[in-house]
Amino acid sequence: MSVEPEELGQSGEELAALLKAVRKRSGLSGARAAARCNMSQSKVSRIENGKVRPSLVDVEQLLRACDAPPALVTQVMTLARLANTEWQGARGMRRKGLDKKQLELAGLEASSAEFRFFLLSMITGLLSTPEYIRASLAHIPGDHSTTIARKLERQQVLYDRSKRFTFILTEQAVRWPLVGPDALAVQIDHLASLTHLPNVRLGVIPISMPTGPAPLNTFTVYDDRIATVELSTGVMVFRDPRDVASHREEFSHLEDRALFGDDARGFFGACAAALR
């Protein structure tokens, strides 16, 4: 089944209607289907009315409860996977206003407890100095003062000790000359200072460290619920548990090869010193 990126995440209503039709064709009431799936009747109702996005496990349970034929299972599961994947194009985000994206991220951070960031080529906003943030937006036309302010406001979440963060940066991300040498040295010093936060693990993979399969993208995993992958033209959002688990597995592989603690601080110190 081919699909355009813009269609991703837009299959929720179609999925809801199809699940309702499958259940009705089976002759099961909503209450009976819920009992077979060990769900509440209200959850089944919300799924069928498009009020709740069902996980792939939910969909599989409902299809099994309704004894759906194999061809229909394949069709519905394909649709469910699309409904659990979303494309956020860069042009669309700019039209809406990049500051709106910051509010969305702040909400996601507020509702999550454990964060895993893999940073392939740049330093993320949560770890950035104001000058680095300004430089990261310089290629985009317009006034970005509100976006910059909201990026800096979001950094307060790092000091919430009820949340746990692990950041892994490549050496390329640390050294990429987005700003001049003096400003980059300050940025790297800032990275080193953040390694002292008790709920933050901040590591770096030196270029000399063999990593096995090469990572292709910057990505973030929020708890075990959502994985986001950043591309130059936008962001993919994955909610399928298999996709999230795949990114967690890749992150664990990279984490095993990163320097943390004193080793990371020593690495950052050497990088900053080379710039001064």
C-alpha atoms as a PDB file:
ATOM      1  CA  MET A   1       0.000   0.000   0.000  1.00  0.00           C
ATOM      2  CA  SER A   2       1.608   3.288  -1.087  1.00  0.00           C
ATOM      3  CA  VAL A   3       0.880   6.475   0.796  1.00  0.00           C
ATOM      4  CA  GLU A   4       1.913  10.099   0.567  1.00  0.00           C
ATOM      5  CA  PRO A   5       3.655  11.549   3.658  1.00  0.00           C
ATOM      6  CA  GLU A   6       0.810  14.025   4.154  1.00  0.00           C
ATOM      7  CA  GLU A   7      -1.628  11.119   4.553  1.00  0.00           C
ATOM      8  CA  LEU A   8       0.195   9.725   7.574  1.00  0.00           C
ATOM      9  CA  GLY A   9      -1.741  10.237  10.784  1.00  0.00           C
ATOM     10  CA  GLN A  10      -4.899  11.188   8.848  1.00  0.00           C
ATOM     11  CA  SER A  11      -6.359   7.660   8.815  1.00  0.00           C
ATOM     12  CA  GLY A  12      -7.901   7.801  12.296  1.00  0.00           C
ATOM     13  CA  GLU A  13     -11.502   8.426  11.242  1.00  0.00           C
ATOM     14  CA  GLU A  14     -11.366   5.766   8.541  1.00  0.00           C
ATOM     15  CA  LEU A  15      -9.903   3.276  11.011  1.00  0.00           C
ATOM     16  CA  ALA A  16     -12.605   4.041  13.584  1.00  0.00           C
ATOM     17  CA  ALA A  17     -15.385   3.566  11.040  1.00  0.00           C
ATOM     18  CA  LEU A  18     -13.878   0.327   9.758  1.00  0.00           C
ATOM     19  CA  LEU A  19     -13.517  -1.146  13.251  1.00  0.00           C
ATOM     20  CA  LYS A  20     -17.122  -0.289  13.986  1.00  0.00           C
ATOM     21  CA  ALA A  21     -18.247  -1.928  10.734  1.00  0.00           C
ATOM     22  CA  VAL A  22     -16.223  -5.068  11.490  1.00  0.00           C
ATOM     23  CA  ARG A  23     -17.745  -5.338  14.944  1.00  0.00           C
ATOM     24  CA  LYS A  24     -21.298  -4.859  13.644  1.00  0.00           C
ATOM     25  CA  ARG A  25     -20.770  -7.409  10.874  1.00  0.00           C
ATOM     26  CA  SER A  26     -19.673  -9.935  13.487  1.00  0.00           C
ATOM     27  CA  GLY A  27     -22.968  -9.499  15.306  1.00  0.00           C
ATOM     28  CA  LEU A  28     -21.284  -8.509  18.547  1.00  0.00           C
ATOM     29  CA  SER A  29     -22.573  -5.675  20.688  1.00  0.00           C
ATOM     30  CA  GLY A  30     -20.078  -3.096  21.908  1.00  0.00           C
ATOM     31  CA  ALA A  31     -20.357  -4.566  25.398  1.00  0.00           C
ATOM     32  CA  ARG A  32     -19.672  -8.103  24.178  1.00  0.00           C
ATOM     33  CA  ALA A  33     -16.684  -7.042  22.083  1.00  0.00           C
ATOM     34  CA  ALA A  34     -15.311  -5.111  25.061  1.00  0.00           C
ATOM     35  CA  ALA A  35     -15.673  -8.170  27.312  1.00  0.00           C
ATOM     36  CA  ARG A  36     -13.801 -10.375  24.825  1.00  0.00           C
ATOM     37  CA  CYS A  37     -10.960  -7.826  24.686  1.00  0.00           C
ATOM     38  CA  ASN A  38     -10.897  -7.159  28.440  1.00  0.00           C
ATOM     39  CA  MET A  39     -11.639  -3.502  27.665  1.00  0.00           C
ATOM     40  CA  SER A  40     -14.277  -1.198  29.047  1.00  0.00           C
ATOM     41  CA  GLN A  41     -17.328  -0.643  26.877  1.00  0.00           C
ATOM     42  CA  SER A  42     -16.626   3.093  26.983  1.00  0.00           C
ATOM     43  CA  LYS A  43     -13.144   2.540  25.505  1.00  0.00           C
ATOM     44  CA  VAL A  44     -14.583   0.533  22.614  1.00  0.00           C
ATOM     45  CA  SER A  45     -17.141   3.283  22.043  1.00  0.00           C
ATOM     46  CA  ARG A  46     -14.454   5.993  22.051  1.00  0.00           C
ATOM     47  CA  ILE A  47     -12.339   3.988  19.600  1.00  0.00           C
ATOM     48  CA  GLU A  48     -15.268   3.457  17.226  1.00  0.00           C
ATOM     49  CA  ASN A  49     -16.213   7.129  17.370  1.00  0.00           C
ATOM     50  CA  GLY A  50     -12.667   8.332  16.731  1.00  0.00           C
ATOM     51  CA  LYS A  51     -12.301   9.872  20.184  1.00  0.00           C
ATOM     52  CA  VAL A  52      -9.338   7.650  21.111  1.00  0.00           C
ATOM     53  CA  ARG A  53      -6.491   6.554  18.848  1.00  0.00           C
ATOM     54  CA  PRO A  54      -6.244   2.769  19.362  1.00  0.00           C
ATOM     55  CA  SER A  55      -2.860   1.131  19.697  1.00  0.00           C
ATOM     56  CA  LEU A  56      -2.022  -1.730  17.356  1.00  0.00           C
ATOM     57  CA  VAL A  57      -2.587  -4.118  20.283  1.00  0.00           C
ATOM     58  CA  ASP A  58      -6.092  -2.675  20.743  1.00  0.00           C
ATOM     59  CA  VAL A  59      -6.832  -3.150  17.048  1.00  0.00           C
ATOM     60  CA  GLU A  60      -5.517  -6.719  17.023  1.00  0.00           C
ATOM     61  CA  GLN A  61      -7.649  -7.587  20.054  1.00  0.00           C
ATOM     62  CA  LEU A  62     -10.791  -6.138  18.493  1.00  0.00           C
ATOM     63  CA  LEU A  63     -10.227  -7.945  15.197  1.00  0.00           C
ATOM     64  CA  ARG A  64      -9.617 -11.226  17.008  1.00  0.00           C
ATOM     65  CA  ALA A  65     -12.750 -10.736  19.119  1.00  0.00           C
ATOM     66  CA  CYS A  66     -14.769 -10.238  15.931  1.00  0.00           C
ATOM     67  CA  ASP A  67     -13.214 -13.246  14.132  1.00  0.00           C
ATOM     68  CA  ALA A  68     -12.256 -11.011  11.220  1.00  0.00           C
ATOM     69  CA  PRO A  69     -11.029 -12.894   8.108  1.00  0.00           C
ATOM     70  CA  PRO A  70      -7.281 -12.709   7.302  1.00  0.00           C
ATOM     71  CA  ALA A  71      -7.633 -10.352   4.317  1.00  0.00           C
ATOM     72  CA  LEU A  72      -9.623  -7.886   6.413  1.00  0.00           C
ATOM     73  CA  VAL A  73      -7.122  -8.152   9.255  1.00  0.00           C
ATOM     74  CA  THR A  74      -4.333  -7.201   6.849  1.00  0.00           C
ATOM     75  CA  GLN A  75      -6.299  -4.205   5.545  1.00  0.00           C
ATOM     76  CA  VAL A  76      -7.228  -2.921   9.000  1.00  0.00           C
ATOM     77  CA  MET A  77      -3.760  -3.423  10.486  1.00  0.00           C
ATOM     78  CA  THR A  78      -2.184  -1.505   7.585  1.00  0.00           C
ATOM     79  CA  LEU A  79      -4.587   1.348   8.238  1.00  0.00           C
ATOM     80  CA  ALA A  80      -3.884   1.184  11.991  1.00  0.00           C
ATOM     81  CA  ARG A  81      -0.155   1.483  11.374  1.00  0.00           C
ATOM     82  CA  LEU A  82      -0.721   4.576   9.221  1.00  0.00           C
ATOM     83  CA  ALA A  83      -2.970   6.068  11.892  1.00  0.00           C
ATOM     84  CA  ASN A  84      -0.148   5.610  14.396  1.00  0.00           C
ATOM     85  CA  THR A  85       2.428   7.368  12.188  1.00  0.00           C
ATOM     86  CA  GLU A  86       2.345  11.110  11.588  1.00  0.00           C
ATOM     87  CA  TRP A  87       4.258  13.398   9.238  1.00  0.00           C
ATOM     88  CA  GLN A  88       4.884  17.003  10.290  1.00  0.00           C
ATOM     89  CA  GLY A  89       6.307  18.818   7.274  1.00  0.00           C
ATOM     90  CA  ALA A  90       8.739  21.674   7.873  1.00  0.00           C
ATOM     91  CA  ARG A  91       6.838  24.029   5.546  1.00  0.00           C
ATOM     92  CA  GLY A  92       3.588  23.374   7.376  1.00  0.00           C
ATOM     93  CA  MET A  93       5.200  23.989  10.765  1.00  0.00           C
ATOM     94  CA  ARG A  94       6.609  27.285   9.518  1.00  0.00           C
ATOM     95  CA  ARG A  95       3.226  28.393   8.211  1.00  0.00           C
ATOM     96  CA  LYS A  96       1.619  27.690  11.574  1.00  0.00           C
ATOM     97  CA  GLY A  97       4.494  29.384  13.405  1.00  0.00           C
ATOM     98  CA  LEU A  98       7.534  27.686  14.877  1.00  0.00           C
ATOM     99  CA  ASP A  99       6.543  28.963  18.316  1.00  0.00           C
ATOM    100  CA  LYS A 100       3.441  26.722  18.119  1.00  0.00           C
ATOM    101  CA  LYS A 101       5.731  23.710  17.719  1.00  0.00           C
ATOM    102  CA  GLN A 102       7.494  24.745  20.936  1.00  0.00           C
ATOM    103  CA  LEU A 103       4.173  24.671  22.794  1.00  0.00           C
ATOM    104  CA  GLU A 104       3.486  21.186  21.419  1.00  0.00           C
ATOM    105  CA  LEU A 105       6.905  19.972  22.566  1.00  0.00           C
ATOM    106  CA  ALA A 106       6.425  21.543  25.998  1.00  0.00           C
ATOM    107  CA  GLY A 107       3.158  19.618  26.342  1.00  0.00           C
ATOM    108  CA  LEU A 108       4.832  16.376  25.327  1.00  0.00           C
ATOM    109  CA  GLU A 109       7.617  16.989  27.832  1.00  0.00           C
ATOM    110  CA  ALA A 110       5.109  17.748  30.589  1.00  0.00           C
ATOM    111  CA  SER A 111       3.290  14.446  29.994  1.00  0.00           C
ATOM    112  CA  SER A 112       6.433  12.264  29.785  1.00  0.00           C
ATOM    113  CA  ALA A 113       8.800  11.032  32.478  1.00  0.00           C
ATOM    114  CA  GLU A 114      11.707   9.449  30.606  1.00  0.00           C
ATOM    115  CA  PHE A 115      13.443  10.919  27.560  1.00  0.00           C
ATOM    116  CA  ARG A 116      16.065   9.535  25.217  1.00  0.00           C
ATOM    117  CA  PHE A 117      17.650  11.930  22.710  1.00  0.00           C
ATOM    118  CA  PHE A 118      20.096  10.840  20.018  1.00  0.00           C
ATOM    119  CA  LEU A 119      21.679  13.884  18.376  1.00  0.00           C
ATOM    120  CA  LEU A 120      23.459  13.070  15.136  1.00  0.00           C
ATOM    121  CA  SER A 121      24.509  16.432  13.751  1.00  0.00           C
ATOM    122  CA  MET A 122      23.393  19.308  15.995  1.00  0.00           C
ATOM    123  CA  ILE A 123      22.742  20.148  19.630  1.00  0.00           C
ATOM    124  CA  THR A 124      19.066  20.108  20.586  1.00  0.00           C
ATOM    125  CA  GLY A 125      17.267  23.177  21.934  1.00  0.00           C
ATOM    126  CA  LEU A 126      17.035  21.804  25.494  1.00  0.00           C
ATOM    127  CA  LEU A 127      20.847  21.870  25.684  1.00  0.00           C
ATOM    128  CA  SER A 128      21.512  25.027  23.658  1.00  0.00           C
ATOM    129  CA  THR A 129      22.766  28.467  24.592  1.00  0.00           C
ATOM    130  CA  PRO A 130      20.729  31.461  23.330  1.00  0.00           C
ATOM    131  CA  GLU A 131      23.315  32.233  20.643  1.00  0.00           C
ATOM    132  CA  TYR A 132      23.274  28.661  19.386  1.00  0.00           C
ATOM    133  CA  ILE A 133      19.455  28.704  19.217  1.00  0.00           C
ATOM    134  CA  ARG A 134      19.484  31.979  17.264  1.00  0.00           C
ATOM    135  CA  ALA A 135      22.003  30.538  14.806  1.00  0.00           C
ATOM    136  CA  SER A 136      19.914  27.371  14.350  1.00  0.00           C
ATOM    137  CA  LEU A 137      16.992  29.519  13.116  1.00  0.00           C
ATOM    138  CA  ALA A 138      18.992  32.039  11.093  1.00  0.00           C
ATOM    139  CA  HIS A 139      18.296  30.337   7.735  1.00  0.00           C
ATOM    140  CA  ILE A 140      14.523  30.673   8.208  1.00  0.00           C
ATOM    141  CA  PRO A 141      13.049  34.082   7.277  1.00  0.00           C
ATOM    142  CA  GLY A 142      11.077  36.010   9.888  1.00  0.00           C
ATOM    143  CA  ASP A 143      11.182  37.178  13.482  1.00  0.00           C
ATOM    144  CA  HIS A 144      11.991  34.261  15.779  1.00  0.00           C
ATOM    145  CA  SER A 145      12.081  36.088  19.114  1.00  0.00           C
ATOM    146  CA  THR A 146       9.002  34.238  20.447  1.00  0.00           C
ATOM    147  CA  THR A 147      10.335  30.866  19.306  1.00  0.00           C
ATOM    148  CA  ILE A 148      13.701  31.536  20.941  1.00  0.00           C
ATOM    149  CA  ALA A 149      12.026  32.583  24.193  1.00  0.00           C
ATOM    150  CA  ARG A 150       9.894  29.438  24.241  1.00  0.00           C
ATOM    151  CA  LYS A 151      12.886  27.209  23.510  1.00  0.00           C
ATOM    152  CA  LEU A 152      14.680  28.738  26.478  1.00  0.00           C
ATOM    153  CA  GLU A 153      11.586  28.361  28.675  1.00  0.00           C
ATOM    154  CA  ARG A 154      11.410  24.665  27.798  1.00  0.00           C
ATOM    155  CA  GLN A 155      14.885  24.154  29.253  1.00  0.00           C
ATOM    156  CA  GLN A 156      13.413  24.424  32.748  1.00  0.00           C
ATOM    157  CA  VAL A 157      12.121  20.871  32.375  1.00  0.00           C
ATOM    158  CA  LEU A 158      15.703  19.643  32.814  1.00  0.00           C
ATOM    159  CA  TYR A 159      15.557  20.740  36.451  1.00  0.00           C
ATOM    160  CA  ASP A 160      12.430  18.687  37.199  1.00  0.00           C
ATOM    161  CA  ARG A 161      13.894  15.774  39.141  1.00  0.00           C
ATOM    162  CA  SER A 162      10.793  13.660  38.597  1.00  0.00           C
ATOM    163  CA  LYS A 163      11.926  13.317  34.964  1.00  0.00           C
ATOM    164  CA  ARG A 164      14.937  11.418  33.600  1.00  0.00           C
ATOM    165  CA  PHE A 165      16.891  12.464  30.521  1.00  0.00           C
ATOM    166  CA  THR A 166      19.565  10.692  28.520  1.00  0.00           C
ATOM    167  CA  PHE A 167      21.214  12.639  25.711  1.00  0.00           C
ATOM    168  CA  ILE A 168      23.716  11.042  23.341  1.00  0.00           C
ATOM    169  CA  LEU A 169      25.589  13.338  20.965  1.00  0.00           C
ATOM    170  CA  THR A 170      28.025  12.379  18.259  1.00  0.00           C
ATOM    171  CA  GLU A 171      31.352  14.182  18.176  1.00  0.00           C
ATOM    172  CA  GLN A 172      30.168  15.763  14.920  1.00  0.00           C
ATOM    173  CA  ALA A 173      27.134  17.257  16.690  1.00  0.00           C
ATOM    174  CA  VAL A 174      29.371  18.723  19.407  1.00  0.00           C
ATOM    175  CA  ARG A 175      31.906  20.210  16.989  1.00  0.00           C
ATOM    176  CA  TRP A 176      29.612  21.340  14.145  1.00  0.00           C
ATOM    177  CA  PRO A 177      30.499  25.041  13.628  1.00  0.00           C
ATOM    178  CA  LEU A 178      26.981  26.461  13.674  1.00  0.00           C
ATOM    179  CA  VAL A 179      28.386  29.443  15.583  1.00  0.00           C
ATOM    180  CA  GLY A 180      31.855  30.968  15.744  1.00  0.00           C
ATOM    181  CA  PRO A 181      34.684  29.380  17.760  1.00  0.00           C
ATOM    182  CA  ASP A 182      34.193  31.478  20.914  1.00  0.00           C
ATOM    183  CA  ALA A 183      30.427  30.912  20.998  1.00  0.00           C
ATOM    184  CA  LEU A 184      30.861  27.199  20.278  1.00  0.00           C
ATOM    185  CA  ALA A 185      33.349  26.887  23.128  1.00  0.00           C
ATOM    186  CA  VAL A 186      30.748  28.451  25.456  1.00  0.00           C
ATOM    187  CA  GLN A 187      28.128  26.050  24.109  1.00  0.00           C
ATOM    188  CA  ILE A 188      30.376  23.066  24.789  1.00  0.00           C
ATOM    189  CA  ASP A 189      31.115  24.370  28.301  1.00  0.00           C
ATOM    190  CA  HIS A 190      27.349  24.475  28.812  1.00  0.00           C
ATOM    191  CA  LEU A 191      27.075  20.823  27.789  1.00  0.00           C
ATOM    192  CA  ALA A 192      29.727  19.921  30.346  1.00  0.00           C
ATOM    193  CA  SER A 193      27.900  21.834  33.093  1.00  0.00           C
ATOM    194  CA  LEU A 194      24.646  19.973  32.390  1.00  0.00           C
ATOM    195  CA  THR A 195      26.349  16.618  33.035  1.00  0.00           C
ATOM    196  CA  HIS A 196      26.232  17.502  36.750  1.00  0.00           C
ATOM    197  CA  LEU A 197      22.425  17.506  36.908  1.00  0.00           C
ATOM    198  CA  PRO A 198      21.371  14.382  38.857  1.00  0.00           C
ATOM    199  CA  ASN A 199      18.537  13.438  36.509  1.00  0.00           C
ATOM    200  CA  VAL A 200      20.472  14.077  33.276  1.00  0.00           C
ATOM    201  CA  ARG A 201      22.866  11.636  31.587  1.00  0.00           C
ATOM    202  CA  LEU A 202      24.692  13.437  28.819  1.00  0.00           C
ATOM    203  CA  GLY A 203      27.086  11.393  26.718  1.00  0.00           C
ATOM    204  CA  VAL A 204      29.149  11.709  23.569  1.00  0.00           C
ATOM    205  CA  ILE A 205      30.301   9.176  20.983  1.00  0.00           C
ATOM    206  CA  PRO A 206      33.800  10.074  19.731  1.00  0.00           C
ATOM    207  CA  ILE A 207      34.431   9.752  16.013  1.00  0.00           C
ATOM    208  CA  SER A 208      37.059   7.109  16.820  1.00  0.00           C
ATOM    209  CA  MET A 209      34.508   4.840  18.512  1.00  0.00           C
ATOM    210  CA  PRO A 210      33.264   2.006  16.283  1.00  0.00           C
ATOM    211  CA  THR A 211      29.472   1.993  16.443  1.00  0.00           C
ATOM    212  CA  GLY A 212      28.467  -0.836  14.125  1.00  0.00           C
ATOM    213  CA  PRO A 213      25.554   0.120  11.853  1.00  0.00           C
ATOM    214  CA  ALA A 214      25.659   3.849  11.203  1.00  0.00           C
ATOM    215  CA  PRO A 215      22.759   5.838  12.715  1.00  0.00           C
ATOM    216  CA  LEU A 216      20.910   7.735   9.998  1.00  0.00           C
ATOM    217  CA  ASN A 217      18.789  10.278  11.884  1.00  0.00           C
ATOM    218  CA  THR A 218      18.394  12.364  14.995  1.00  0.00           C
ATOM    219  CA  PHE A 219      15.593  10.869  17.073  1.00  0.00           C
ATOM    220  CA  THR A 220      13.844  11.189  20.446  1.00  0.00           C
ATOM    221  CA  VAL A 221      11.919   8.587  22.437  1.00  0.00           C
ATOM    222  CA  TYR A 222       9.333   9.711  25.003  1.00  0.00           C
ATOM    223  CA  ASP A 223       8.769   6.998  27.624  1.00  0.00           C
ATOM    224  CA  ASP A 224       7.715   3.928  25.631  1.00  0.00           C
ATOM    225  CA  ARG A 225       4.884   5.823  23.887  1.00  0.00           C
ATOM    226  CA  ILE A 226       6.267   7.957  21.087  1.00  0.00           C
ATOM    227  CA  ALA A 227       9.381   8.180  18.933  1.00  0.00           C
ATOM    228  CA  THR A 228      10.095  11.189  16.737  1.00  0.00           C
ATOM    229  CA  VAL A 229      12.613  11.235  13.902  1.00  0.00           C
ATOM    230  CA  GLU A 230      13.924  14.518  12.508  1.00  0.00           C
ATOM    231  CA  LEU A 231      14.569  14.941   8.803  1.00  0.00           C
ATOM    232  CA  SER A 232      15.628  18.042   6.909  1.00  0.00           C
ATOM    233  CA  THR A 233      12.095  18.383   5.518  1.00  0.00           C
ATOM    234  CA  GLY A 234      10.082  17.575   8.645  1.00  0.00           C
ATOM    235  CA  VAL A 235       9.451  15.222  11.541  1.00  0.00           C
ATOM    236  CA  MET A 236       8.066  11.680  11.597  1.00  0.00           C
ATOM    237  CA  VAL A 237       6.058  10.758  14.704  1.00  0.00           C
ATOM    238  CA  PHE A 238       5.713   7.052  15.506  1.00  0.00           C
ATOM    239  CA  ARG A 239       3.205   5.638  18.015  1.00  0.00           C
ATOM    240  CA  ASP A 240       3.289   2.017  16.904  1.00  0.00           C
ATOM    241  CA  PRO A 241       4.876   0.148  19.864  1.00  0.00           C
ATOM    242  CA  ARG A 242       7.074  -1.822  17.456  1.00  0.00           C
ATOM    243  CA  ASP A 243       8.526   1.380  15.988  1.00  0.00           C
ATOM    244  CA  VAL A 244       9.073   2.853  19.450  1.00  0.00           C
ATOM    245  CA  ALA A 245      10.756  -0.357  20.636  1.00  0.00           C
ATOM    246  CA  SER A 246      13.006  -0.347  17.569  1.00  0.00           C
ATOM    247  CA  HIS A 247      14.222   3.162  18.370  1.00  0.00           C
ATOM    248  CA  ARG A 248      14.771   2.260  22.019  1.00  0.00           C
ATOM    249  CA  GLU A 249      16.859  -0.718  20.918  1.00  0.00           C
ATOM    250  CA  GLU A 250      18.953   1.468  18.613  1.00  0.00           C
ATOM    251  CA  PHE A 251      19.384   3.992  21.410  1.00  0.00           C
ATOM    252  CA  SER A 252      20.600   1.297  23.800  1.00  0.00           C
ATOM    253  CA  HIS A 253      23.187   0.199  21.230  1.00  0.00           C
ATOM    254  CA  LEU A 254      24.464   3.774  20.899  1.00  0.00           C
ATOM    255  CA  GLU A 255      24.379   4.357  24.659  1.00  0.00           C
ATOM    256  CA  ASP A 256      26.786   1.436  25.162  1.00  0.00           C
ATOM    257  CA  ARG A 257      29.360   3.281  23.011  1.00  0.00           C
ATOM    258  CA  ALA A 258      29.063   6.744  24.550  1.00  0.00           C
ATOM    259  CA  LEU A 259      31.300   8.451  27.096  1.00  0.00           C
ATOM    260  CA  PHE A 260      29.532   9.693  30.239  1.00  0.00           C
ATOM    261  CA  GLY A 261      30.463  11.425  33.487  1.00  0.00           C
ATOM    262  CA  ASP A 262      34.112  12.405  33.918  1.00  0.00           C
ATOM    263  CA  ASP A 263      35.018  10.889  30.540  1.00  0.00           C
ATOM    264  CA  ALA A 264      32.423  13.054  28.782  1.00  0.00           C
ATOM    265  CA  ARG A 265      33.476  16.169  30.719  1.00  0.00           C
ATOM    266  CA  GLY A 266      37.090  15.531  29.741  1.00  0.00           C
ATOM    267  CA  PHE A 267      36.074  15.180  26.107  1.00  0.00           C
ATOM    268  CA  PHE A 268      34.030  18.395  26.191  1.00  0.00           C
ATOM    269  CA  GLY A 269      36.872  20.218  27.909  1.00  0.00           C
ATOM    270  CA  ALA A 270      39.314  19.210  25.188  1.00  0.00           C
ATOM    271  CA  CYS A 271      36.872  20.272  22.447  1.00  0.00           C
ATOM    272  CA  ALA A 272      36.320  23.670  24.059  1.00  0.00           C
ATOM    273  CA  ALA A 273      40.040  24.217  24.649  1.00  0.00           C
ATOM    274  CA  ALA A 274      40.790  23.502  20.986  1.00  0.00           C
ATOM    275  CA  LEU A 275      38.446  26.348  20.011  1.00  0.00           C
ATOM    276  CA  ARG A 276      40.050  28.963  22.254  1.00  0.00           C
END
